C-alpha atoms as a PDB file:
ATOM      1  CA  LEU A   1      46.639 -59.649  77.543  1.00  0.00           C
ATOM      2  CA  LEU A   2      49.322 -57.647  76.649  1.00  0.00           C
ATOM      3  CA  VAL A   3      52.599 -58.753  74.295  1.00  0.00           C
ATOM      4  CA  GLU A   4      55.606 -59.533  75.820  1.00  0.00           C
ATOM      5  CA  ILE A   5      58.665 -57.057  75.287  1.00  0.00           C
ATOM      6  CA  ASP A   6      62.456 -57.945  74.753  1.00  0.00           C
ATOM      7  CA  PRO A   7      64.819 -55.111  76.361  1.00  0.00           C
ATOM      8  CA  ALA A   8      67.293 -56.165  74.013  1.00  0.00           C
ATOM      9  CA  ALA A   9      65.412 -55.296  71.035  1.00  0.00           C
ATOM     10  CA  LEU A  10      65.281 -51.597  73.346  1.00  0.00           C
ATOM     11  CA  PRO A  11      67.603 -48.543  72.105  1.00  0.00           C
ATOM     12  CA  ALA A  12      71.008 -48.476  73.691  1.00  0.00           C
ATOM     13  CA  ALA A  13      71.809 -46.025  75.555  1.00  0.00           C
ATOM     14  CA  PRO A  14      74.416 -43.184  73.841  1.00  0.00           C
ATOM     15  CA  ASP A  15      77.350 -44.615  75.174  1.00  0.00           C
ATOM     16  CA  GLY A  16      76.065 -47.863  74.413  1.00  0.00           C
ATOM     17  CA  THR A  17      74.943 -48.933  77.541  1.00  0.00           C
ATOM     18  CA  PRO A  18      72.740 -51.304  77.164  1.00  0.00           C
ATOM     19  CA  ALA A  19      68.701 -50.436  77.865  1.00  0.00           C
ATOM     20  CA  SER A  20      68.494 -52.971  80.494  1.00  0.00           C
ATOM     21  CA  GLU A  21      71.102 -51.684  82.627  1.00  0.00           C
ATOM     22  CA  ASP A  22      70.344 -47.989  81.827  1.00  0.00           C
ATOM     23  CA  PHE A  23      66.577 -48.263  82.975  1.00  0.00           C
ATOM     24  CA  PHE A  24      66.051 -47.870  86.542  1.00  0.00           C
ATOM     25  CA  GLU A  25      66.404 -50.879  88.490  1.00  0.00           C
ATOM     26  CA  GLY A  26      61.940 -52.516  88.569  1.00  0.00           C
ATOM     27  CA  ALA A  27      61.299 -50.003  85.153  1.00  0.00           C
ATOM     28  CA  LEU A  28      61.276 -52.693  82.441  1.00  0.00           C
ATOM     29  CA  THR A  29      59.137 -55.693  83.268  1.00  0.00           C
ATOM     30  CA  PRO A  30      58.105 -58.081  80.910  1.00  0.00           C
ATOM     31  CA  CYS A  31      55.549 -56.749  79.047  1.00  0.00           C
ATOM     32  CA  GLY A  32      55.722 -53.320  79.854  1.00  0.00           C
ATOM     33  CA  ILE A  33      58.449 -50.216  79.285  1.00  0.00           C
ATOM     34  CA  GLY A  34      59.120 -47.798  81.715  1.00  0.00           C
ATOM     35  CA  ASN A  35      58.463 -44.457  80.422  1.00  0.00           C
ATOM     36  CA  VAL A  36      58.326 -42.222  83.216  1.00  0.00           C
ATOM     37  CA  ALA A  37      58.141 -41.416  87.578  1.00  0.00           C
ATOM     38  CA  ALA A  38      55.488 -38.942  88.694  1.00  0.00           C
ATOM     39  CA  ALA A  39      55.224 -38.133  92.516  1.00  0.00           C
ATOM     40  CA  THR A  40      52.583 -37.419  95.199  1.00  0.00           C
ATOM     41  CA  VAL A  41      54.359 -34.849  97.652  1.00  0.00           C
ATOM     42  CA  VAL A  42      53.644 -32.385  99.509  1.00  0.00           C
ATOM     43  CA  ALA A  43      52.819 -28.988  98.694  1.00  0.00           C
ATOM     44  CA  TYR A  44      52.681 -26.305 100.579  1.00  0.00           C
ATOM     45  CA  ASP A  45      52.060 -22.157 100.038  1.00  0.00           C
ATOM     46  CA  SER A  46      54.766 -20.454 101.230  1.00  0.00           C
ATOM     47  CA  LYS A  47      52.839 -17.303 101.991  1.00  0.00           C
ATOM     48  CA  ALA A  48      50.429 -18.944 104.130  1.00  0.00           C
ATOM     49  CA  LEU A  49      52.522 -21.380 105.872  1.00  0.00           C
ATOM     50  CA  LYS A  50      54.717 -19.900 108.980  1.00  0.00           C
ATOM     51  CA  GLY A  51      57.754 -21.600 108.568  1.00  0.00           C
ATOM     52  CA  LYS A  52      59.384 -24.289 106.537  1.00  0.00           C
ATOM     53  CA  PRO A  53      58.354 -27.581 106.740  1.00  0.00           C
ATOM     54  CA  ARG A  54      61.445 -29.924 106.784  1.00  0.00           C
ATOM     55  CA  SER A  55      59.855 -33.801 106.826  1.00  0.00           C
ATOM     56  CA  ILE A  56      56.545 -35.770 105.736  1.00  0.00           C
ATOM     57  CA  ALA A  57      56.843 -35.168 110.011  1.00  0.00           C
ATOM     58  CA  ASP A  58      55.651 -31.605 109.858  1.00  0.00           C
ATOM     59  CA  PHE A  59      52.363 -32.522 107.869  1.00  0.00           C
ATOM     60  CA  PHE A  60      50.735 -34.074 110.658  1.00  0.00           C
ATOM     61  CA  ASP A  61      51.951 -31.626 113.242  1.00  0.00           C
ATOM     62  CA  VAL A  62      48.560 -28.895 113.412  1.00  0.00           C
ATOM     63  CA  GLU A  63      50.958 -27.462 116.108  1.00  0.00           C
ATOM     64  CA  ARG A  64      53.943 -26.234 115.097  1.00  0.00           C
ATOM     65  CA  PHE A  65      52.170 -25.711 111.372  1.00  0.00           C
ATOM     66  CA  PRO A  66      48.516 -24.578 111.841  1.00  0.00           C
ATOM     67  CA  GLY A  67      46.180 -24.529 109.283  1.00  0.00           C
ATOM     68  CA  PRO A  68      43.931 -27.140 106.881  1.00  0.00           C
ATOM     69  CA  ARG A  69      45.279 -30.098 104.956  1.00  0.00           C
ATOM     70  CA  GLY A  70      44.522 -31.445 101.442  1.00  0.00           C
ATOM     71  CA  LEU A  71      44.586 -35.262 100.938  1.00  0.00           C
ATOM     72  CA  ARG A  72      43.295 -37.215  97.737  1.00  0.00           C
ATOM     73  CA  ARG A  73      40.422 -39.520  98.857  1.00  0.00           C
ATOM     74  CA  THR A  74      42.088 -43.356  99.590  1.00  0.00           C
ATOM     75  CA  PRO A  75      44.697 -44.961 101.708  1.00  0.00           C
ATOM     76  CA  ARG A  76      47.386 -45.082  99.175  1.00  0.00           C
ATOM     77  CA  THR A  77      50.549 -43.289 100.001  1.00  0.00           C
ATOM     78  CA  ASN A  78      48.227 -41.264 102.961  1.00  0.00           C
ATOM     79  CA  LEU A  79      48.747 -44.597 105.322  1.00  0.00           C
ATOM     80  CA  GLU A  80      52.597 -45.040 104.695  1.00  0.00           C
ATOM     81  CA  TRP A  81      53.005 -41.414 105.200  1.00  0.00           C
ATOM     82  CA  ALA A  82      50.987 -42.131 108.626  1.00  0.00           C
ATOM     83  CA  LEU A  83      53.328 -44.625 109.172  1.00  0.00           C
ATOM     84  CA  ILE A  84      56.356 -42.669 108.811  1.00  0.00           C
ATOM     85  CA  ALA A  85      56.011 -40.033 110.180  1.00  0.00           C
ATOM     86  CA  ASP A  86      55.415 -42.067 112.967  1.00  0.00           C
ATOM     87  CA  GLY A  87      58.705 -43.160 112.838  1.00  0.00           C
ATOM     88  CA  VAL A  88      58.584 -46.170 110.512  1.00  0.00           C
ATOM     89  CA  SER A  89      60.834 -46.455 107.046  1.00  0.00           C
ATOM     90  CA  HIS A  90      59.903 -46.465 104.209  1.00  0.00           C
ATOM     91  CA  GLU A  91      61.778 -49.290 103.868  1.00  0.00           C
ATOM     92  CA  LYS A  92      59.961 -51.104 106.258  1.00  0.00           C
ATOM     93  CA  VAL A  93      56.561 -49.185 105.345  1.00  0.00           C
ATOM     94  CA  TYR A  94      54.153 -52.295 103.778  1.00  0.00           C
ATOM     95  CA  GLU A  95      55.570 -55.042 105.887  1.00  0.00           C
ATOM     96  CA  VAL A  96      54.597 -53.084 108.903  1.00  0.00           C
ATOM     97  CA  LEU A  97      51.130 -52.358 107.610  1.00  0.00           C
ATOM     98  CA  ALA A  98      50.644 -55.674 106.595  1.00  0.00           C
ATOM     99  CA  THR A  99      49.698 -56.481 110.150  1.00  0.00           C
ATOM    100  CA  ARG A 100      46.324 -54.992 111.717  1.00  0.00           C
ATOM    101  CA  GLU A 101      48.919 -53.686 114.657  1.00  0.00           C
ATOM    102  CA  GLY A 102      50.501 -51.161 111.550  1.00  0.00           C
ATOM    103  CA  VAL A 103      47.209 -50.585 110.342  1.00  0.00           C
ATOM    104  CA  ASP A 104      45.818 -49.519 113.529  1.00  0.00           C
ATOM    105  CA  ARG A 105      49.190 -47.286 114.058  1.00  0.00           C
ATOM    106  CA  ALA A 106      48.560 -45.597 110.799  1.00  0.00           C
ATOM    107  CA  PHE A 107      44.903 -44.285 111.505  1.00  0.00           C
ATOM    108  CA  ARG A 108      46.498 -43.473 114.787  1.00  0.00           C
ATOM    109  CA  VAL A 109      48.175 -40.945 112.883  1.00  0.00           C
ATOM    110  CA  MET A 110      45.691 -39.711 110.548  1.00  0.00           C
ATOM    111  CA  ASP A 111      43.097 -38.655 113.317  1.00  0.00           C
ATOM    112  CA  ARG A 112      45.466 -36.187 114.165  1.00  0.00           C
ATOM    113  CA  ILE A 113      44.679 -34.150 111.281  1.00  0.00           C
ATOM    114  CA  LYS A 114      41.478 -35.787 110.668  1.00  0.00           C
ATOM    115  CA  PRO A 115      39.657 -32.896 111.642  1.00  0.00           C
ATOM    116  CA  HIS A 116      41.888 -30.509 109.472  1.00  0.00           C
ATOM    117  CA  ILE A 117      41.304 -32.499 105.770  1.00  0.00           C
ATOM    118  CA  GLU A 118      39.531 -31.108 103.066  1.00  0.00           C
ATOM    119  CA  TRP A 119      39.650 -33.939 100.838  1.00  0.00           C
ATOM    120  CA  TRP A 120      40.115 -33.764  96.675  1.00  0.00           C
ATOM    121  CA  SER A 121      39.984 -36.296  93.650  1.00  0.00           C
ATOM    122  CA  LEU A 122      41.240 -34.825  90.523  1.00  0.00           C
ATOM    123  CA  GLY A 123      44.846 -33.426  90.631  1.00  0.00           C
ATOM    124  CA  GLU A 124      44.126 -30.021  89.664  1.00  0.00           C
ATOM    125  CA  GLU A 125      41.783 -30.013  92.517  1.00  0.00           C
ATOM    126  CA  ALA A 126      44.734 -30.315  94.986  1.00  0.00           C
ATOM    127  CA  VAL A 127      45.986 -27.193  93.273  1.00  0.00           C
ATOM    128  CA  ARG A 128      42.799 -25.576  93.561  1.00  0.00           C
ATOM    129  CA  LEU A 129      43.017 -26.058  97.792  1.00  0.00           C
ATOM    130  CA  LEU A 130      45.763 -24.434  97.848  1.00  0.00           C
ATOM    131  CA  GLU A 131      45.432 -21.450  95.627  1.00  0.00           C
ATOM    132  CA  THR A 132      42.204 -20.568  97.115  1.00  0.00           C
ATOM    133  CA  GLY A 133      43.516 -20.989 100.642  1.00  0.00           C
ATOM    134  CA  ARG A 134      41.533 -23.673 101.544  1.00  0.00           C
ATOM    135  CA  VAL A 135      44.438 -25.341 102.703  1.00  0.00           C
ATOM    136  CA  VAL A 136      48.442 -24.626 103.735  1.00  0.00           C
ATOM    137  CA  MET A 137      49.738 -27.897 102.937  1.00  0.00           C
ATOM    138  CA  THR A 138      48.170 -30.439 100.544  1.00  0.00           C
ATOM    139  CA  SER A 139      49.349 -33.957  98.863  1.00  0.00           C
ATOM    140  CA  ALA A 140      50.148 -33.163  95.096  1.00  0.00           C
ATOM    141  CA  TYR A 141      51.100 -34.467  91.907  1.00  0.00           C
ATOM    142  CA  ASN A 142      54.733 -32.493  91.705  1.00  0.00           C
ATOM    143  CA  GLY A 143      53.733 -31.917  87.642  1.00  0.00           C
ATOM    144  CA  ARG A 144      51.427 -29.576  88.737  1.00  0.00           C
ATOM    145  CA  ILE A 145      52.669 -27.687  91.413  1.00  0.00           C
ATOM    146  CA  TYR A 146      55.591 -27.047  88.746  1.00  0.00           C
ATOM    147  CA  SER A 147      53.047 -25.758  87.006  1.00  0.00           C
ATOM    148  CA  ALA A 148      51.241 -23.763  89.190  1.00  0.00           C
ATOM    149  CA  ALA A 149      54.332 -22.439  90.268  1.00  0.00           C
ATOM    150  CA  GLN A 150      55.295 -21.359  86.852  1.00  0.00           C
ATOM    151  CA  ARG A 151      52.040 -19.603  86.811  1.00  0.00           C
ATOM    152  CA  GLY A 152      53.648 -17.489  89.598  1.00  0.00           C
ATOM    153  CA  GLU A 153      51.681 -19.167  92.695  1.00  0.00           C
ATOM    154  CA  SER A 154      54.074 -19.036  95.703  1.00  0.00           C
ATOM    155  CA  PHE A 155      53.773 -23.055  95.887  1.00  0.00           C
ATOM    156  CA  GLU A 156      56.709 -24.738  97.022  1.00  0.00           C
ATOM    157  CA  ILE A 157      56.982 -28.674  97.409  1.00  0.00           C
ATOM    158  CA  LEU A 158      58.295 -30.587 100.110  1.00  0.00           C
ATOM    159  CA  TRP A 159      60.085 -33.742  98.417  1.00  0.00           C
ATOM    160  CA  ASP A 160      60.811 -35.588 101.934  1.00  0.00           C
ATOM    161  CA  GLN A 161      59.251 -38.969 101.920  1.00  0.00           C
ATOM    162  CA  HIS A 162      57.295 -38.201  98.368  1.00  0.00           C
ATOM    163  CA  VAL A 163      55.895 -41.240  96.790  1.00  0.00           C
ATOM    164  CA  ARG A 164      57.156 -42.234  92.789  1.00  0.00           C
ATOM    165  CA  PHE A 165      54.375 -44.468  91.223  1.00  0.00           C
ATOM    166  CA  ARG A 166      55.271 -44.866  87.047  1.00  0.00           C
ATOM    167  CA  ASP A 167      53.669 -45.038  83.784  1.00  0.00           C
ATOM    168  CA  VAL A 168      54.888 -48.154  81.573  1.00  0.00           C
ATOM    169  CA  LEU A 169      54.334 -48.591  77.783  1.00  0.00           C
ATOM    170  CA  ALA A 170      52.489 -51.654  77.162  1.00  0.00           C
ATOM    171  CA  ILE A 171      50.935 -53.295  74.063  1.00  0.00           C
ATOM    172  CA  VAL A 172      47.753 -54.869  73.458  1.00  0.00           C
ATOM    173  CA  LYS A 173      47.724 -58.530  72.491  1.00  0.00           C
ATOM    174  CA  HIS A 174      46.274 -59.795  69.074  1.00  0.00           C
ATOM    175  CA  THR A 175      46.154 -56.022  67.570  1.00  0.00           C
ATOM    176  CA  GLU A 176      46.758 -55.994  64.112  1.00  0.00           C
ATOM    177  CA  HIS A 177      49.645 -53.956  64.036  1.00  0.00           C
ATOM    178  CA  LEU A 178      52.092 -54.722  66.381  1.00  0.00           C
ATOM    179  CA  GLU A 179      54.948 -53.947  64.283  1.00  0.00           C
ATOM    180  CA  ALA A 180      54.169 -50.355  64.122  1.00  0.00           C
ATOM    181  CA  ALA A 181      53.466 -50.594  67.809  1.00  0.00           C
ATOM    182  CA  LEU A 182      57.032 -51.785  68.714  1.00  0.00           C
ATOM    183  CA  ARG A 183      58.220 -48.848  66.538  1.00  0.00           C
ATOM    184  CA  LEU A 184      56.621 -46.601  68.410  1.00  0.00           C
ATOM    185  CA  VAL A 185      57.510 -48.099  72.125  1.00  0.00           C
ATOM    186  CA  TYR A 186      61.489 -48.223  70.964  1.00  0.00           C
ATOM    187  CA  PHE A 187      61.088 -44.710  69.775  1.00  0.00           C
ATOM    188  CA  ALA A 188      59.370 -43.602  73.213  1.00  0.00           C
ATOM    189  CA  SER A 189      61.573 -45.235  75.045  1.00  0.00           C
ATOM    190  CA  SER A 190      64.940 -44.227  73.696  1.00  0.00           C
ATOM    191  CA  SER A 191      66.695 -41.429  75.509  1.00  0.00           C
ATOM    192  CA  SER A 192      66.513 -38.918  73.508  1.00  0.00           C
ATOM    193  CA  SER A 193      62.393 -39.355  73.842  1.00  0.00           C
ATOM    194  CA  LEU A 194      62.013 -39.462  77.255  1.00  0.00           C
ATOM    195  CA  ALA A 195      64.355 -36.525  78.114  1.00  0.00           C
ATOM    196  CA  ASN A 196      62.607 -34.912  75.418  1.00  0.00           C
ATOM    197  CA  GLN A 197      59.823 -35.358  77.111  1.00  0.00           C
ATOM    198  CA  ALA A 198      60.781 -34.054  80.550  1.00  0.00           C
ATOM    199  CA  MET A 199      61.447 -30.555  79.254  1.00  0.00           C
ATOM    200  CA  GLN A 200      57.295 -30.410  78.681  1.00  0.00           C
ATOM    201  CA  ILE A 201      56.194 -31.497  81.875  1.00  0.00           C
ATOM    202  CA  PRO A 202      58.109 -32.428  84.953  1.00  0.00           C
ATOM    203  CA  TYR A 203      57.944 -36.309  85.446  1.00  0.00           C
ATOM    204  CA  GLY A 204      61.487 -38.301  86.048  1.00  0.00           C
ATOM    205  CA  PRO A 205      62.829 -40.107  82.914  1.00  0.00           C
ATOM    206  CA  LEU A 206      63.405 -43.597  84.001  1.00  0.00           C
ATOM    207  CA  ARG A 207      66.778 -43.996  82.091  1.00  0.00           C
ATOM    208  CA  ARG A 208      69.798 -42.247  83.460  1.00  0.00           C
ATOM    209  CA  SER A 209      71.209 -41.125  80.496  1.00  0.00           C
ATOM    210  CA  SER A 210      68.345 -39.002  79.536  1.00  0.00           C
ATOM    211  CA  LEU A 211      68.886 -37.902  83.332  1.00  0.00           C
ATOM    212  CA  GLU A 212      72.515 -37.174  81.977  1.00  0.00           C
ATOM    213  CA  ARG A 213      70.846 -35.011  78.695  1.00  0.00           C
ATOM    214  CA  LEU A 214      68.974 -32.081  80.922  1.00  0.00           C
ATOM    215  CA  PRO A 215      70.369 -29.154  81.698  1.00  0.00           C
ATOM    216  CA  ASP A 216      70.524 -28.681  86.036  1.00  0.00           C
ATOM    217  CA  GLU A 217      67.070 -26.294  85.966  1.00  0.00           C
ATOM    218  CA  ILE A 218      65.321 -29.099  84.809  1.00  0.00           C
ATOM    219  CA  ARG A 219      66.707 -31.801  87.071  1.00  0.00           C
ATOM    220  CA  SER A 220      66.145 -29.585  89.898  1.00  0.00           C
ATOM    221  CA  HIS A 221      62.150 -31.004  89.505  1.00  0.00           C
ATOM    222  CA  LEU A 222      62.503 -34.325  88.539  1.00  0.00           C
ATOM    223  CA  PRO A 223      61.674 -37.107  91.216  1.00  0.00           C
ATOM    224  CA  THR A 224      64.100 -39.489  89.294  1.00  0.00           C
ATOM    225  CA  ALA A 225      66.975 -37.001  89.484  1.00  0.00           C
ATOM    226  CA  GLU A 226      69.279 -36.444  92.481  1.00  0.00           C
ATOM    227  CA  PRO A 227      68.629 -34.733  95.488  1.00  0.00           C
ATOM    228  CA  GLN A 228      65.002 -35.280  94.838  1.00  0.00           C
ATOM    229  CA  PHE A 229      65.462 -39.425  93.993  1.00  0.00           C
ATOM    230  CA  GLY A 230      66.933 -40.135  97.287  1.00  0.00           C
ATOM    231  CA  GLN A 231      64.208 -38.693  99.264  1.00  0.00           C
ATOM    232  CA  GLY A 232      61.606 -40.743  98.125  1.00  0.00           C
ATOM    233  CA  PHE A 233      60.286 -44.186  97.799  1.00  0.00           C
ATOM    234  CA  ASP A 234      58.298 -45.714  95.064  1.00  0.00           C
ATOM    235  CA  SER A 235      55.079 -46.896  95.379  1.00  0.00           C
ATOM    236  CA  ASP A 236      54.407 -50.509  95.694  1.00  0.00           C
ATOM    237  CA  PRO A 237      51.543 -51.566  93.053  1.00  0.00           C
ATOM    238  CA  VAL A 238      51.859 -55.067  93.570  1.00  0.00           C
ATOM    239  CA  TRP A 239      51.223 -54.880  97.775  1.00  0.00           C
ATOM    240  CA  TRP A 240      48.581 -52.421  96.593  1.00  0.00           C
ATOM    241  CA  GLY A 241      47.005 -55.069  94.503  1.00  0.00           C
ATOM    242  CA  GLU A 242      46.466 -57.565  97.142  1.00  0.00           C
ATOM    243  CA  HIS A 243      45.058 -54.990 100.008  1.00  0.00           C
ATOM    244  CA  LEU A 244      43.449 -51.735  98.301  1.00  0.00           C
ATOM    245  CA  SER A 245      39.922 -53.721  98.739  1.00  0.00           C
ATOM    246  CA  GLU A 246      40.227 -54.291 102.506  1.00  0.00           C
ATOM    247  CA  LEU A 247      42.013 -50.982 103.208  1.00  0.00           C
ATOM    248  CA  ARG A 248      39.537 -48.711 100.936  1.00  0.00           C
ATOM    249  CA  THR A 249      36.404 -50.346 102.698  1.00  0.00           C
ATOM    250  CA  ARG A 250      38.148 -49.216 106.346  1.00  0.00           C
ATOM    251  CA  PHE A 251      39.294 -45.827 104.913  1.00  0.00           C
ATOM    252  CA  GLU A 252      35.762 -45.063 103.976  1.00  0.00           C
ATOM    253  CA  ARG A 253      34.212 -46.213 107.135  1.00  0.00           C
ATOM    254  CA  TRP A 254      37.146 -44.347 108.764  1.00  0.00           C
ATOM    255  CA  ALA A 255      36.648 -40.825 106.685  1.00  0.00           C
ATOM    256  CA  ASP A 256      32.730 -40.764 106.798  1.00  0.00           C
ATOM    257  CA  ARG A 257      32.927 -41.075 110.562  1.00  0.00           C
ATOM    258  CA  PRO A 258      32.173 -37.477 111.937  1.00  0.00           C
ATOM    259  CA  VAL A 259      34.664 -36.199 113.998  1.00  0.00           C
ATOM    260  CA  MET A 260      33.552 -33.675 117.186  1.00  0.00           C
ATOM    261  CA  VAL A 261      36.717 -30.397 116.700  1.00  0.00           C
ATOM    262  CA  PRO A 262      37.023 -28.678 120.448  1.00  0.00           C
ATOM    263  CA  LYS A 263      37.004 -24.534 119.465  1.00  0.00           C
ATOM    264  CA  ASP A 264      40.272 -24.511 120.380  1.00  0.00           C
ATOM    265  CA  TRP A 265      41.801 -27.620 118.322  1.00  0.00           C
ATOM    266  CA  PRO A 266      44.987 -26.414 117.580  1.00  0.00           C
ATOM    267  CA  GLY A 267      44.938 -25.012 113.807  1.00  0.00           C
ATOM    268  CA  ARG A 268      41.292 -24.451 113.739  1.00  0.00           C
END
């Protein structure tokens, strides 16, 4: 369905480093050229939350950090976070999640906060949950939270165990404008183009040379720049392609099941 794109045809970095060595690992595929990485992060209102969360485990701890939580209504990211909060390393999380025992374990962790969850579907809904005080912490896209903070909102990002997902550029086969499409891909994937894009929205360029062109105040908000990069991991789209249907069915049954909440439940 897609045109294969030769990485050797992509523009080199300004110092001459070939594109194949300049892009992050996994950013170049036979038919897709990595563009930027966004991240699902935990965001919180520093004025509404007592204390400062330090790890993803704090998101699941309603005793130390009481208050409602916002989550996107999907098993993706939620189940990974649940296992990591329970002690699984992100390097092993998909291996554990591939077992029935691992899935059961993830849902047991999710049970801890189920009475406190406000679900969202669209990125702006997560921000709205924080703005209106309906939650004190929520999963969210890092760019949305950055924009809200620029407007003066007292929102902060917990980068620990953020989950990165990539945008790629691809070309549909049999286009009548293949050469023009290739020129666009070459232009848009250059070091300068990806750096300029990061100046407009804080999603991380997938070229190292692009990060080098950016000022520190911009890099400090990007998922692909240090120290943020080392605190997160990449979502595995191949793994989810194989398991999403099954886990989504179980997740929806779990989410729809009513929960009785005691009046003295922590964080109520």
